[in-house]
Amino acid sequence: METVISILAILAGIIGIAGSILPGLPGTPISWVGMLMLYLWGNGTNAAGDPMSLKALIIWGVIVVVVSVIDYIVPMYFTKITGGSRYAERGAMAGLILGIIFTPIGMILGSFLGAFLSELYWGKKDAGRALKAAVGSFLGFITGTGLKTIVACMMMWKIIVFAF
């Protein structure tokens, strides 16, 4: 049974990393669920025989909540400080979703172009201001995604350590 739980926890970690990059999947919460499975039903000890502590599980849970909140705030903040509107934010998300077809370059270019074109068309801004807003929106997206990916990878490392 412990082997099945370890495999499921590792799968949750992998899906969590993918979900940190792909929109629509809650990446870091899925990774945390993998850690929770090991804590509740798995062996939950590392190679030295030390068990996963409840304190560590709670700290990782708090980190997941904080990163999830930051992921919503950072893109809005970067867009606002560069003079962008909600159109840039929405355009960046739409471009990202359309860009999934051509992963990963399509996601990056799609996010940037979506923000730029949305600011031009719906935001009624000139090309210079739209470009500045698109850069801000793009940097916010990259920052949030990078943070989530780092946290998901760190949890994956913990899952591997405690699964075997």
Protein backbone atom coordinates (compact mmCIF):
# COMPACT_ATOMS: atom_id res chain seq x y z
CA MET A 1 0.00 0.00 0.00
CA GLU A 2 2.85 2.36 0.81
CA THR A 3 4.24 1.89 -2.71
CA VAL A 4 0.91 2.89 -4.26
CA ILE A 5 0.73 5.98 -2.05
CA SER A 6 4.33 6.89 -2.96
CA ILE A 7 3.53 6.59 -6.67
CA LEU A 8 0.36 8.68 -6.29
CA ALA A 9 2.27 11.31 -4.32
CA ILE A 10 4.96 11.50 -7.01
CA LEU A 11 2.27 11.82 -9.68
CA ALA A 12 0.69 14.64 -7.67
CA GLY A 13 4.09 16.33 -7.55
CA ILE A 14 4.54 16.02 -11.31
CA ILE A 15 1.03 17.31 -11.99
CA GLY A 16 1.72 20.12 -9.52
CA ILE A 17 4.81 21.22 -11.44
CA ALA A 18 2.87 21.12 -14.72
CA GLY A 19 0.01 23.01 -13.09
CA SER A 20 2.40 25.73 -11.99
CA ILE A 21 3.03 26.50 -15.64
CA LEU A 22 -0.27 25.61 -17.28
CA PRO A 23 -3.32 27.73 -16.49
CA GLY A 24 -6.35 26.01 -15.03
CA LEU A 25 -4.49 23.52 -12.86
CA PRO A 26 -3.82 24.50 -9.25
CA GLY A 27 -0.16 23.45 -9.29
CA THR A 28 1.12 24.09 -5.80
CA PRO A 29 -2.02 22.81 -4.02
CA ILE A 30 -1.81 19.54 -5.97
CA SER A 31 1.85 19.15 -4.96
CA TRP A 32 0.88 19.78 -1.34
CA VAL A 33 -1.77 17.05 -1.59
CA GLY A 34 1.06 14.69 -2.60
CA MET A 35 2.90 15.60 0.59
CA LEU A 36 -0.30 15.16 2.60
CA MET A 37 -0.82 11.66 1.16
CA LEU A 38 2.67 10.65 2.27
CA TYR A 39 2.08 12.10 5.71
CA LEU A 40 -1.29 10.40 6.25
CA TRP A 41 -0.96 7.06 4.49
CA GLY A 42 2.56 6.57 3.24
CA ASN A 43 5.74 5.58 4.92
CA GLY A 44 6.50 9.29 5.40
CA THR A 45 10.14 8.80 6.40
CA ASN A 46 13.29 9.85 4.61
CA ALA A 47 16.37 7.68 4.00
CA ALA A 48 17.64 8.43 7.51
CA GLY A 49 14.36 7.21 8.98
CA ASP A 50 13.20 10.66 10.07
CA PRO A 51 9.43 11.08 9.73
CA MET A 52 7.75 14.00 7.96
CA SER A 53 6.53 16.33 10.67
CA LEU A 54 3.11 17.90 10.95
CA LYS A 55 4.87 21.23 11.44
CA ALA A 56 6.60 20.90 8.06
CA LEU A 57 3.32 19.95 6.39
CA ILE A 58 1.59 23.01 7.88
CA ILE A 59 4.46 25.33 6.88
CA TRP A 60 4.29 24.03 3.29
CA GLY A 61 0.52 24.54 3.36
CA VAL A 62 0.98 28.16 4.41
CA ILE A 63 3.59 28.63 1.67
CA VAL A 64 1.12 27.24 -0.87
CA VAL A 65 -1.58 29.67 0.24
CA VAL A 66 0.81 32.64 0.18
CA VAL A 67 2.17 31.74 -3.28
CA SER A 68 -1.36 31.25 -4.61
CA VAL A 69 -2.39 34.70 -3.38
CA ILE A 70 0.80 36.30 -4.70
CA ASP A 71 0.16 34.72 -8.08
CA TYR A 72 -3.03 36.76 -8.38
CA ILE A 73 -1.59 40.00 -7.00
CA VAL A 74 1.79 40.22 -8.78
CA PRO A 75 0.51 40.37 -12.38
CA MET A 76 -2.01 43.06 -11.45
CA TYR A 77 0.65 45.04 -9.62
CA PHE A 78 3.18 44.86 -12.47
CA THR A 79 0.50 45.81 -14.98
CA LYS A 80 -0.62 48.80 -12.91
CA ILE A 81 2.87 50.17 -12.28
CA THR A 82 3.56 50.09 -16.02
CA GLY A 83 0.32 51.92 -16.85
CA GLY A 84 -1.70 48.94 -18.00
CA SER A 85 -5.36 48.21 -17.49
CA ARG A 86 -7.39 45.09 -16.90
CA TYR A 87 -7.43 44.66 -20.66
CA ALA A 88 -3.70 43.90 -20.57
CA GLU A 89 -4.20 41.36 -17.77
CA ARG A 90 -7.05 39.62 -19.56
CA GLY A 91 -5.24 39.74 -22.89
CA ALA A 92 -2.16 38.18 -21.34
CA MET A 93 -4.23 35.31 -19.94
CA ALA A 94 -6.07 34.78 -23.24
CA GLY A 95 -2.79 34.82 -25.16
CA LEU A 96 -1.31 32.35 -22.70
CA ILE A 97 -4.21 29.95 -23.16
CA LEU A 98 -4.04 30.21 -26.94
CA GLY A 99 -0.27 29.83 -26.81
CA ILE A 100 -0.49 26.45 -25.05
CA ILE A 101 -0.75 24.90 -28.51
CA PHE A 102 2.83 26.00 -29.21
CA THR A 103 4.29 25.35 -25.76
CA PRO A 104 6.50 26.86 -24.28
CA ILE A 105 7.38 29.64 -26.74
CA GLY A 106 3.72 30.08 -27.68
CA MET A 107 2.73 30.59 -24.06
CA ILE A 108 5.34 33.29 -23.55
CA LEU A 109 4.69 35.08 -26.84
CA GLY A 110 0.94 34.60 -26.52
CA SER A 111 0.92 36.21 -23.09
CA PHE A 112 2.93 39.18 -24.28
CA LEU A 113 1.05 39.67 -27.57
CA GLY A 114 -2.32 39.20 -25.88
CA ALA A 115 -1.58 42.00 -23.42
CA PHE A 116 -0.20 44.26 -26.14
CA LEU A 117 -3.08 43.77 -28.59
CA SER A 118 -5.71 44.09 -25.85
CA GLU A 119 -4.27 47.41 -24.72
CA LEU A 120 -4.16 48.65 -28.31
CA TYR A 121 -7.68 47.60 -29.22
CA TRP A 122 -9.80 47.72 -26.06
CA GLY A 123 -7.61 49.99 -23.95
CA LYS A 124 -7.37 52.52 -26.79
CA LYS A 125 -3.70 53.18 -26.04
CA ASP A 126 -0.96 54.12 -28.46
CA ALA A 127 1.67 51.50 -29.36
CA GLY A 128 4.26 52.83 -26.90
CA ARG A 129 1.95 52.77 -23.89
CA ALA A 130 0.49 49.42 -24.95
CA LEU A 131 4.01 47.98 -25.22
CA LYS A 132 4.91 49.24 -21.76
CA ALA A 133 1.73 47.72 -20.29
CA ALA A 134 2.37 44.44 -22.12
CA VAL A 135 5.89 44.26 -20.69
CA GLY A 136 4.51 44.85 -17.18
CA SER A 137 1.80 42.25 -17.59
CA PHE A 138 4.28 39.77 -19.02
CA LEU A 139 6.79 40.35 -16.20
CA GLY A 140 4.02 39.85 -13.64
CA PHE A 141 2.98 36.61 -15.30
CA ILE A 142 6.57 35.33 -15.45
CA THR A 143 7.19 36.28 -11.80
CA GLY A 144 4.06 34.52 -10.55
CA THR A 145 4.65 31.44 -12.69
CA GLY A 146 8.30 31.27 -11.68
CA LEU A 147 7.46 31.49 -8.00
CA LYS A 148 4.83 28.75 -8.26
CA THR A 149 7.20 26.53 -10.24
CA ILE A 150 10.01 26.94 -7.71
CA VAL A 151 7.69 26.05 -4.81
CA ALA A 152 6.22 23.06 -6.70
CA CYS A 153 9.73 21.77 -7.51
CA MET A 154 10.80 22.14 -3.88
CA MET A 155 7.74 20.17 -2.76
CA MET A 156 8.48 17.54 -5.42
CA TRP A 157 11.94 17.16 -3.92
CA LYS A 158 10.39 16.64 -0.48
CA ILE A 159 7.94 14.12 -1.93
CA ILE A 160 10.79 12.14 -3.48
CA VAL A 161 12.83 12.26 -0.27
CA PHE A 162 9.91 10.97 1.83
CA ALA A 163 8.56 8.51 -0.76
CA PHE A 164 11.67 6.33 -0.86
